[in-house]
Amino acid sequence: DVLDAASGDAEELLNYVQDEWSILRKKLESTGIKAIDGERAACEKAVGDAVVTFGEGRLEETLSALGEADALMEKLRRRV
């Protein structure tokens, strides 16, 4: 039960971060911050890593990648 709850929480957080990243990515494009930007590329990788690790059932790594993605998204939001 604990594992199911943790998995559900991680999935909910992953979905939220993916939605936020989709919105932010559009804003970045419109302001000229392209995919070759270092922070943007790192954020894209962190979100992708979270998706992969969640799919493999590695919840700790998922949460770590989501934390990294969240921090990078915050930096990118300040640049928009």
Protein backbone atom coordinates (compact mmCIF):
# COMPACT_ATOMS: atom_id res chain seq x y z
CA ASP A 1 0.00 0.00 0.00
CA VAL A 2 2.82 2.40 0.86
CA LEU A 3 4.53 1.70 -2.46
CA ASP A 4 1.27 2.21 -4.35
CA ALA A 5 0.73 5.54 -2.59
CA ALA A 6 4.28 6.66 -3.31
CA SER A 7 3.92 5.62 -6.94
CA GLY A 8 0.64 7.52 -7.25
CA ASP A 9 2.17 10.62 -5.71
CA ALA A 10 5.19 10.41 -8.03
CA GLU A 11 2.91 9.97 -11.05
CA GLU A 12 0.82 12.97 -10.05
CA LEU A 13 3.94 15.09 -9.61
CA LEU A 14 5.36 13.84 -12.91
CA ASN A 15 2.17 14.78 -14.75
CA TYR A 16 2.22 18.23 -13.15
CA VAL A 17 5.86 18.84 -14.11
CA GLN A 18 5.23 17.63 -17.67
CA ASP A 19 2.27 20.01 -18.01
CA GLU A 20 4.25 22.93 -16.58
CA TRP A 21 7.21 22.14 -18.83
CA SER A 22 4.97 22.10 -21.90
CA ILE A 23 3.63 25.55 -21.06
CA LEU A 24 7.07 26.94 -20.24
CA ARG A 25 8.63 25.46 -23.38
CA LYS A 26 6.16 27.44 -25.52
CA LYS A 27 7.03 30.64 -23.65
CA LEU A 28 10.73 29.96 -24.09
CA GLU A 29 10.28 29.48 -27.83
CA SER A 30 8.33 32.71 -28.14
CA THR A 31 11.03 34.66 -26.31
CA GLY A 32 13.85 33.20 -28.40
CA ILE A 33 15.28 30.75 -25.87
CA LYS A 34 15.85 27.80 -28.18
CA ALA A 35 16.47 24.12 -27.46
CA ILE A 36 20.24 24.61 -27.74
CA ASP A 37 20.21 26.77 -24.58
CA GLY A 38 22.09 24.95 -21.81
CA GLU A 39 19.50 25.37 -19.05
CA ARG A 40 16.64 24.50 -21.37
CA ALA A 41 18.43 21.38 -22.60
CA ALA A 42 19.22 20.34 -19.01
CA CYS A 43 15.58 20.79 -18.03
CA GLU A 44 14.38 18.78 -21.03
CA LYS A 45 16.78 16.01 -20.02
CA ALA A 46 15.64 16.06 -16.38
CA VAL A 47 11.99 15.78 -17.40
CA GLY A 48 12.86 12.96 -19.79
CA ASP A 49 14.87 11.18 -17.11
CA ALA A 50 11.91 11.43 -14.75
CA VAL A 51 9.62 9.84 -17.33
CA VAL A 52 12.05 6.99 -17.99
CA THR A 53 12.83 6.26 -14.34
CA PHE A 54 9.14 6.35 -13.41
CA GLY A 55 8.39 3.89 -16.19
CA GLU A 56 11.07 1.61 -14.77
CA GLY A 57 9.62 1.89 -11.26
CA ARG A 58 12.63 3.73 -9.83
CA LEU A 59 10.74 6.22 -7.67
CA GLU A 60 13.69 7.78 -5.85
CA GLU A 61 15.43 8.57 -9.12
CA THR A 62 12.13 9.89 -10.50
CA LEU A 63 11.72 12.28 -7.59
CA SER A 64 15.34 13.38 -7.89
CA ALA A 65 14.92 14.14 -11.60
CA LEU A 66 11.67 15.98 -10.90
CA GLY A 67 13.40 18.10 -8.27
CA GLU A 68 16.14 18.97 -10.74
CA ALA A 69 13.58 19.79 -13.43
CA ASP A 70 11.63 22.00 -11.02
CA ALA A 71 14.74 23.97 -10.07
CA LEU A 72 15.71 24.44 -13.71
CA MET A 73 12.17 25.48 -14.66
CA GLU A 74 12.25 28.13 -11.95
CA LYS A 75 15.51 29.53 -13.37
CA LEU A 76 14.05 29.51 -16.87
CA ARG A 77 10.84 31.24 -15.71
CA ARG A 78 12.95 34.12 -14.40
CA ARG A 79 14.48 34.50 -17.85
CA VAL A 80 11.13 34.77 -19.64
